[in-house]
Amino acid sequence: MDAEQQIEFDTKAKEQIPASIRMISGCRDSQTAADVIDLGSFSLPSPDGRSGGASTAVFLKTLYDAKNDGTLSSLNWVDLLQAMKEKLDGKGYSQVPQLSSSSMMNIKEPVKFVNDDPNGTKRAVLVGINYVGLPGQLSACHYDVKKVKEYLITELGFEEKNMIILMDDDHHTRPTKYAILTAYRRLVEESKAGDTVYCHFSGHGSRVVDTNGDEDDGYDETLIPVDFYRAGQIVDDDLLKLFVKPMAKGVLMTCMFDCCHSGTVLDLPYYFNADDDEKKMQRLSDFKFDKKKYLWCRLSVAFRFVYSPVSGSSYVVNSLEKHVMKIFVSDTALPGILYL
């Protein structure tokens, strides 16, 4: 891209993704993530001999190490990702951590997870899926969520009352496709300028054939909910539309995805890999910007209203939970409302 194209790219990115969003993924899209047999090998606080996700383990280990040696305030994003990669390499893991973002950020600035506004609310959605009793059962994911929850509360000042925790452990809400998307929608609906959001996902990730031509490698990245066999996978295109783009301007959101093929699972337009020679964010040259203009509204708890501009008909559907609806105006179509 030349300078003019870069400016145009950056302007469109800010218009379509108004929130400040950073995502740390455990590996590139083409790679698989790994469990750690014993978290004690990474010297995490109170490992109790339990297993955990490799990326989650090195992420927390790096942050705790920086705190203990007094360098946390100066730890930048390059330092964080490279330290994670070094720890993974040292344990024989080949996966390469990746950082992606909604805007061009200076990754040599100190890592920041909490918004500057002292009056902002800190919210979190933590998902851990071991797929208990299913083929491909994991052992790490519940423990990942417990350790991340502990870090958020003790180190970053989050409150449990503002956390949604989804795990297949018979003690929390099951992380079904509906439950995960509902939790993300709730974050979008409740978060406002000055708020801090943290999201963590430990589980299986996968890829499916891209059907709309927005992926250079021909595949969409996915998250695997516990009921994937019935409800299907959560595709990156849907996360971008339902979760990323509608998040309010002024919200600072950090996401950590410890799963396979997670490099671009939020489809953010900027990226940096831990092994990149150039220590700065890169623009995703094939990023597809929308031609539609999106507006968002909140609807009542009791009902959601759906209008079809094609048939001219409308109807009301009973609902027990808050839903977000997308009002869209395209260049060629009449205004309408699309239920998400």
Protein backbone atom coordinates (compact mmCIF):
# COMPACT_ATOMS: atom_id res chain seq x y z
CA MET A 1 0.00 0.00 0.00
CA ASP A 2 1.14 3.54 -0.69
CA ALA A 3 0.71 6.31 1.90
CA GLU A 4 -2.69 7.40 0.58
CA GLN A 5 -4.02 3.83 0.60
CA GLN A 6 -2.76 3.35 4.15
CA ILE A 7 -4.61 6.45 5.33
CA GLU A 8 -7.80 5.29 3.60
CA PHE A 9 -7.42 1.81 5.13
CA ASP A 10 -6.91 3.22 8.65
CA THR A 11 -9.89 5.57 8.30
CA LYS A 12 -12.22 2.78 7.21
CA ALA A 13 -10.99 0.52 10.02
CA LYS A 14 -11.82 3.16 12.66
CA GLU A 15 -15.22 3.81 11.11
CA GLN A 16 -16.24 0.15 10.99
CA ILE A 17 -14.63 -0.97 14.28
CA PRO A 18 -14.99 2.01 16.66
CA ALA A 19 -13.88 0.18 19.84
CA SER A 20 -10.22 -0.45 20.73
CA ILE A 21 -9.86 -4.21 20.38
CA ARG A 22 -6.76 -6.36 20.79
CA MET A 23 -6.68 -10.12 20.41
CA ILE A 24 -3.93 -12.50 21.47
CA SER A 25 -4.13 -15.89 19.81
CA GLY A 26 -2.19 -18.94 20.82
CA CYS A 27 -1.13 -19.71 17.27
CA ARG A 28 -1.47 -18.78 13.63
CA ASP A 29 -4.50 -19.81 11.58
CA SER A 30 -2.61 -22.76 10.13
CA GLN A 31 -1.37 -24.05 13.49
CA THR A 32 -2.80 -26.14 16.31
CA ALA A 33 -2.66 -25.25 19.99
CA ALA A 34 -1.50 -27.59 22.76
CA ASP A 35 -2.31 -28.66 26.31
CA VAL A 36 0.40 -28.62 28.98
CA ILE A 37 0.55 -31.85 30.94
CA ASP A 38 1.70 -30.10 34.11
CA LEU A 39 1.37 -26.38 34.73
CA GLY A 40 4.02 -26.72 37.41
CA SER A 41 6.55 -26.88 34.60
CA PHE A 42 5.73 -23.23 33.88
CA SER A 43 5.85 -22.30 37.59
CA LEU A 44 2.41 -20.70 37.64
CA PRO A 45 0.99 -19.78 41.05
CA SER A 46 -0.52 -22.83 42.80
CA PRO A 47 -0.47 -25.16 39.77
CA ASP A 48 -1.61 -28.10 41.91
CA GLY A 49 -0.21 -30.48 39.33
CA ARG A 50 -3.05 -29.65 36.97
CA SER A 51 -3.00 -29.49 33.21
CA GLY A 52 -3.60 -26.25 31.35
CA GLY A 53 -3.45 -24.69 27.90
CA ALA A 54 0.07 -23.93 26.71
CA SER A 55 -0.73 -20.42 25.47
CA THR A 56 -2.72 -19.46 28.55
CA ALA A 57 0.08 -20.79 30.75
CA VAL A 58 2.85 -18.80 29.06
CA PHE A 59 0.67 -15.69 28.85
CA LEU A 60 0.04 -15.69 32.61
CA LYS A 61 3.59 -16.77 33.38
CA THR A 62 5.01 -13.82 31.42
CA LEU A 63 2.75 -11.34 33.22
CA TYR A 64 3.57 -12.76 36.66
CA ASP A 65 7.29 -12.79 35.88
CA ALA A 66 7.18 -9.15 34.80
CA LYS A 67 5.37 -8.21 37.99
CA ASN A 68 7.85 -10.09 40.17
CA ASP A 69 10.95 -8.57 38.54
CA GLY A 70 9.50 -5.06 38.47
CA THR A 71 9.23 -4.71 34.69
CA LEU A 72 5.46 -5.01 34.27
CA SER A 73 4.95 -1.26 33.77
CA SER A 74 7.39 -1.28 30.84
CA LEU A 75 6.40 -4.64 29.31
CA ASN A 76 5.32 -3.91 25.74
CA TRP A 77 3.38 -6.03 23.26
CA VAL A 78 6.50 -7.16 21.41
CA ASP A 79 8.10 -8.22 24.70
CA LEU A 80 4.94 -10.09 25.73
CA LEU A 81 4.55 -12.07 22.51
CA GLN A 82 8.25 -12.85 22.18
CA ALA A 83 8.47 -13.98 25.81
CA MET A 84 5.46 -16.23 25.22
CA LYS A 85 7.11 -17.73 22.14
CA GLU A 86 10.41 -18.29 23.98
CA LYS A 87 8.62 -20.13 26.76
CA LEU A 88 6.71 -22.25 24.25
CA ASP A 89 9.92 -23.01 22.33
CA GLY A 90 11.61 -24.00 25.59
CA LYS A 91 8.94 -26.62 26.24
CA GLY A 92 9.02 -28.00 22.70
CA TYR A 93 5.91 -26.26 21.32
CA SER A 94 6.14 -24.82 17.80
CA GLN A 95 3.07 -22.57 17.85
CA VAL A 96 3.61 -18.86 17.25
CA PRO A 97 1.52 -16.38 19.29
CA GLN A 98 -0.12 -13.63 17.28
CA LEU A 99 -1.50 -10.19 18.17
CA SER A 100 -4.24 -8.60 16.08
CA SER A 101 -6.03 -5.32 16.57
CA SER A 102 -8.83 -3.08 15.37
CA SER A 103 -6.53 -0.13 14.70
CA MET A 104 -2.89 0.62 14.00
CA MET A 105 -1.27 0.49 17.43
CA ASN A 106 2.29 1.07 18.61
CA ILE A 107 3.27 -2.37 19.90
CA LYS A 108 6.37 -0.93 21.55
CA GLU A 109 4.16 0.86 24.04
CA PRO A 110 3.46 -0.85 27.41
CA VAL A 111 0.82 -3.55 27.50
CA LYS A 112 -2.51 -2.19 28.67
CA PHE A 113 -5.59 -4.19 29.62
CA VAL A 114 -7.63 -1.62 31.58
CA ASN A 115 -9.21 1.56 30.26
CA ASP A 116 -8.02 4.88 31.70
CA ASP A 117 -11.49 5.93 32.86
CA PRO A 118 -11.63 5.22 36.64
CA ASN A 119 -15.44 5.16 36.49
CA GLY A 120 -15.62 2.55 33.75
CA THR A 121 -16.98 -0.92 34.42
CA LYS A 122 -14.75 -3.97 33.94
CA ARG A 123 -16.59 -6.87 32.32
CA ALA A 124 -15.42 -10.34 31.28
CA VAL A 125 -16.64 -13.42 29.45
CA LEU A 126 -14.55 -16.52 30.18
CA VAL A 127 -15.21 -19.73 28.24
CA GLY A 128 -13.57 -23.08 29.01
CA ILE A 129 -14.70 -26.23 27.19
CA ASN A 130 -13.25 -29.66 27.92
CA TYR A 131 -15.89 -31.44 25.78
CA VAL A 132 -16.48 -33.87 28.60
CA GLY A 133 -17.55 -37.27 27.32
CA LEU A 134 -17.08 -36.33 23.67
CA PRO A 135 -14.43 -37.42 21.17
CA GLY A 136 -11.45 -35.06 21.38
CA GLN A 137 -11.98 -34.37 25.08
CA LEU A 138 -9.53 -31.84 26.55
CA SER A 139 -8.24 -31.49 30.09
CA ALA A 140 -6.89 -27.94 30.21
CA CYS A 141 -9.72 -25.55 29.61
CA HIS A 142 -11.55 -25.37 32.92
CA TYR A 143 -8.32 -24.71 34.77
CA ASP A 144 -7.37 -22.02 32.25
CA VAL A 145 -10.56 -20.15 33.04
CA LYS A 146 -10.01 -20.43 36.79
CA LYS A 147 -6.47 -19.03 36.54
CA VAL A 148 -7.51 -16.22 34.19
CA LYS A 149 -10.40 -15.34 36.51
CA GLU A 150 -7.96 -15.22 39.43
CA TYR A 151 -5.61 -12.93 37.51
CA LEU A 152 -8.38 -10.56 36.47
CA ILE A 153 -9.65 -10.21 40.03
CA THR A 154 -6.37 -10.04 41.95
CA GLU A 155 -4.24 -8.12 39.45
CA LEU A 156 -6.64 -6.04 37.36
CA GLY A 157 -9.47 -5.30 39.79
CA PHE A 158 -12.32 -7.11 38.03
CA GLU A 159 -15.36 -8.13 40.09
CA GLU A 160 -16.93 -11.56 39.82
CA LYS A 161 -20.42 -10.03 39.57
CA ASN A 162 -19.42 -8.58 36.19
CA MET A 163 -18.11 -11.86 34.81
CA ILE A 164 -19.92 -14.43 32.70
CA ILE A 165 -18.28 -17.84 33.06
CA LEU A 166 -19.23 -20.69 30.72
CA MET A 167 -17.84 -24.19 31.35
CA ASP A 168 -19.01 -27.76 30.81
CA ASP A 169 -18.37 -28.74 34.44
CA ASP A 170 -21.93 -29.10 35.80
CA HIS A 171 -21.39 -25.99 37.96
CA HIS A 172 -21.59 -23.21 35.36
CA THR A 173 -23.75 -22.42 32.36
CA ARG A 174 -22.86 -24.82 29.55
CA PRO A 175 -20.87 -23.16 26.75
CA THR A 176 -23.33 -23.90 23.96
CA LYS A 177 -23.27 -21.90 20.75
CA TYR A 178 -26.31 -19.96 21.91
CA ALA A 179 -24.84 -19.28 25.37
CA ILE A 180 -21.51 -18.05 23.96
CA LEU A 181 -23.09 -15.75 21.38
CA THR A 182 -25.59 -14.48 23.95
CA ALA A 183 -22.74 -13.62 26.34
CA TYR A 184 -20.94 -11.71 23.58
CA ARG A 185 -24.15 -9.90 22.63
CA ARG A 186 -24.65 -8.93 26.25
CA LEU A 187 -21.16 -7.39 26.33
CA VAL A 188 -22.02 -5.36 23.24
CA GLU A 189 -25.32 -4.24 24.71
CA GLU A 190 -23.98 -3.23 28.14
CA SER A 191 -20.51 -1.86 27.41
CA LYS A 192 -20.04 1.86 26.85
CA ALA A 193 -17.22 4.36 26.46
CA GLY A 194 -14.71 4.09 29.30
CA ASP A 195 -15.47 0.43 30.04
CA THR A 196 -12.97 -2.44 29.96
CA VAL A 197 -13.79 -5.84 28.47
CA TYR A 198 -11.75 -9.04 28.70
CA CYS A 199 -12.70 -12.25 26.89
CA HIS A 200 -11.01 -15.63 27.15
CA PHE A 201 -11.71 -18.81 25.19
CA SER A 202 -10.02 -22.14 25.87
CA GLY A 203 -11.27 -25.04 23.80
CA HIS A 204 -11.20 -26.40 20.29
CA GLY A 205 -10.86 -24.20 17.22
CA SER A 206 -11.14 -25.26 13.60
CA ARG A 207 -11.52 -24.08 10.02
CA VAL A 208 -14.29 -24.33 7.45
CA VAL A 209 -14.30 -23.50 3.77
CA ASP A 210 -14.80 -19.77 3.21
CA THR A 211 -18.06 -19.12 1.37
CA ASN A 212 -17.92 -15.36 0.78
CA GLY A 213 -14.39 -14.84 -0.52
CA ASP A 214 -13.06 -12.78 2.41
CA GLU A 215 -10.27 -15.18 3.40
CA ASP A 216 -6.97 -15.22 1.54
CA ASP A 217 -6.30 -18.84 2.49
CA GLY A 218 -9.81 -19.97 1.52
CA TYR A 219 -10.87 -20.87 5.09
CA ASP A 220 -12.91 -19.24 7.84
CA GLU A 221 -11.63 -19.78 11.38
CA THR A 222 -14.11 -21.11 13.94
CA LEU A 223 -14.70 -21.66 17.64
CA ILE A 224 -16.16 -25.03 18.65
CA PRO A 225 -19.00 -24.81 21.22
CA VAL A 226 -19.85 -27.80 23.36
CA ASP A 227 -22.95 -28.53 21.23
CA PHE A 228 -21.18 -28.19 17.88
CA TYR A 229 -22.56 -31.55 16.74
CA ARG A 230 -26.08 -30.08 16.86
CA ALA A 231 -25.74 -26.29 16.65
CA GLY A 232 -22.65 -26.02 14.46
CA GLN A 233 -19.50 -23.93 14.83
CA ILE A 234 -19.07 -20.21 15.53
CA VAL A 235 -17.54 -18.68 12.40
CA ASP A 236 -15.18 -15.70 12.43
CA ASP A 237 -17.45 -13.77 10.06
CA ASP A 238 -20.24 -13.93 12.64
CA LEU A 239 -17.94 -12.85 15.47
CA LEU A 240 -16.87 -9.83 13.42
CA LYS A 241 -20.47 -8.82 12.70
CA LEU A 242 -22.09 -9.63 16.05
CA PHE A 243 -19.29 -8.89 18.50
CA VAL A 244 -16.46 -6.79 17.07
CA LYS A 245 -18.06 -4.13 14.87
CA PRO A 246 -20.96 -3.15 17.16
CA MET A 247 -18.79 -2.72 20.30
CA ALA A 248 -19.07 0.92 21.40
CA LYS A 249 -16.41 3.53 20.72
CA GLY A 250 -14.29 4.15 23.79
CA VAL A 251 -14.43 0.54 25.02
CA LEU A 252 -11.07 -1.20 25.50
CA MET A 253 -11.45 -4.92 24.82
CA THR A 254 -8.76 -7.59 25.06
CA CYS A 255 -9.41 -11.15 23.93
CA MET A 256 -7.31 -14.28 24.40
CA PHE A 257 -8.10 -17.32 22.27
CA ASP A 258 -6.24 -20.47 23.30
CA CYS A 259 -7.39 -22.83 20.58
CA CYS A 260 -6.28 -24.20 17.23
CA HIS A 261 -6.44 -22.06 14.08
CA SER A 262 -7.14 -18.93 16.12
CA GLY A 263 -4.81 -16.42 14.50
CA THR A 264 -7.53 -14.30 12.88
CA VAL A 265 -10.68 -15.66 14.52
CA LEU A 266 -11.97 -12.11 15.14
CA ASP A 267 -11.05 -11.00 11.60
CA LEU A 268 -9.30 -7.85 12.81
CA PRO A 269 -7.52 -5.72 10.17
CA TYR A 270 -4.03 -5.46 11.78
CA TYR A 271 -1.65 -8.16 13.01
CA PHE A 272 1.79 -8.95 14.41
CA ASN A 273 3.37 -12.39 14.79
CA ALA A 274 5.86 -13.13 17.56
CA ASP A 275 8.47 -14.17 15.01
CA ASP A 276 8.04 -11.21 12.62
CA ASP A 277 11.30 -9.43 11.79
CA GLU A 278 9.57 -6.05 11.58
CA LYS A 279 8.40 -5.10 15.07
CA LYS A 280 5.23 -3.26 14.16
CA MET A 281 1.63 -4.02 13.28
CA GLN A 282 0.93 -4.90 9.67
CA ARG A 283 -2.21 -4.09 7.72
CA LEU A 284 -4.14 -7.11 6.48
CA SER A 285 -4.01 -6.16 2.83
CA ASP A 286 -6.95 -8.36 1.81
CA PHE A 287 -9.23 -7.16 4.64
CA LYS A 288 -12.76 -6.76 3.27
CA PHE A 289 -14.50 -3.59 4.41
CA ASP A 290 -18.30 -3.47 4.43
CA LYS A 291 -20.16 -1.35 1.92
CA LYS A 292 -23.16 -1.22 4.26
CA LYS A 293 -23.67 1.33 6.98
CA TYR A 294 -24.60 -0.20 10.31
CA LEU A 295 -26.66 1.27 13.09
CA TRP A 296 -27.40 -0.50 16.35
CA CYS A 297 -30.25 -0.35 18.81
CA ARG A 298 -31.35 -2.09 21.96
CA LEU A 299 -34.70 -3.80 22.19
CA SER A 300 -36.81 -4.70 25.18
CA VAL A 301 -36.28 -7.83 27.21
CA ALA A 302 -39.67 -9.26 26.43
CA PHE A 303 -39.88 -9.00 22.67
CA ARG A 304 -37.89 -8.69 19.52
CA PHE A 305 -39.44 -7.13 16.46
CA VAL A 306 -38.56 -8.39 13.02
CA TYR A 307 -39.54 -6.54 9.85
CA SER A 308 -39.13 -7.83 6.30
CA PRO A 309 -38.80 -5.08 3.68
CA VAL A 310 -39.30 -7.68 0.95
CA SER A 311 -42.69 -9.02 2.04
CA GLY A 312 -43.77 -5.95 3.96
CA SER A 313 -44.85 -8.15 6.84
CA SER A 314 -43.82 -7.92 10.47
CA TYR A 315 -44.21 -10.07 13.55
CA VAL A 316 -43.25 -10.22 17.20
CA VAL A 317 -41.43 -13.19 18.73
CA ASN A 318 -41.48 -13.86 22.46
CA SER A 319 -38.06 -13.77 24.09
CA LEU A 320 -36.72 -14.26 27.60
CA GLU A 321 -33.36 -12.64 27.04
CA LYS A 322 -32.02 -9.35 25.74
CA HIS A 323 -31.16 -9.41 22.08
CA VAL A 324 -29.35 -7.05 19.81
CA MET A 325 -30.81 -6.34 16.41
CA LYS A 326 -28.98 -4.87 13.49
CA ILE A 327 -30.61 -2.07 11.53
CA PHE A 328 -28.93 -1.83 8.20
CA VAL A 329 -29.10 0.52 5.28
CA SER A 330 -27.40 -0.73 2.15
CA ASP A 331 -26.65 1.21 -1.01
CA THR A 332 -29.33 -0.61 -2.97
CA ALA A 333 -31.88 -2.04 -0.52
CA LEU A 334 -34.68 -0.60 1.53
CA PRO A 335 -34.14 -0.16 5.30
CA GLY A 336 -34.84 -3.30 7.28
CA ILE A 337 -34.13 -5.09 10.53
CA LEU A 338 -32.18 -8.33 10.65
CA TYR A 339 -32.29 -10.58 13.71
CA LEU A 340 -28.83 -11.80 14.70
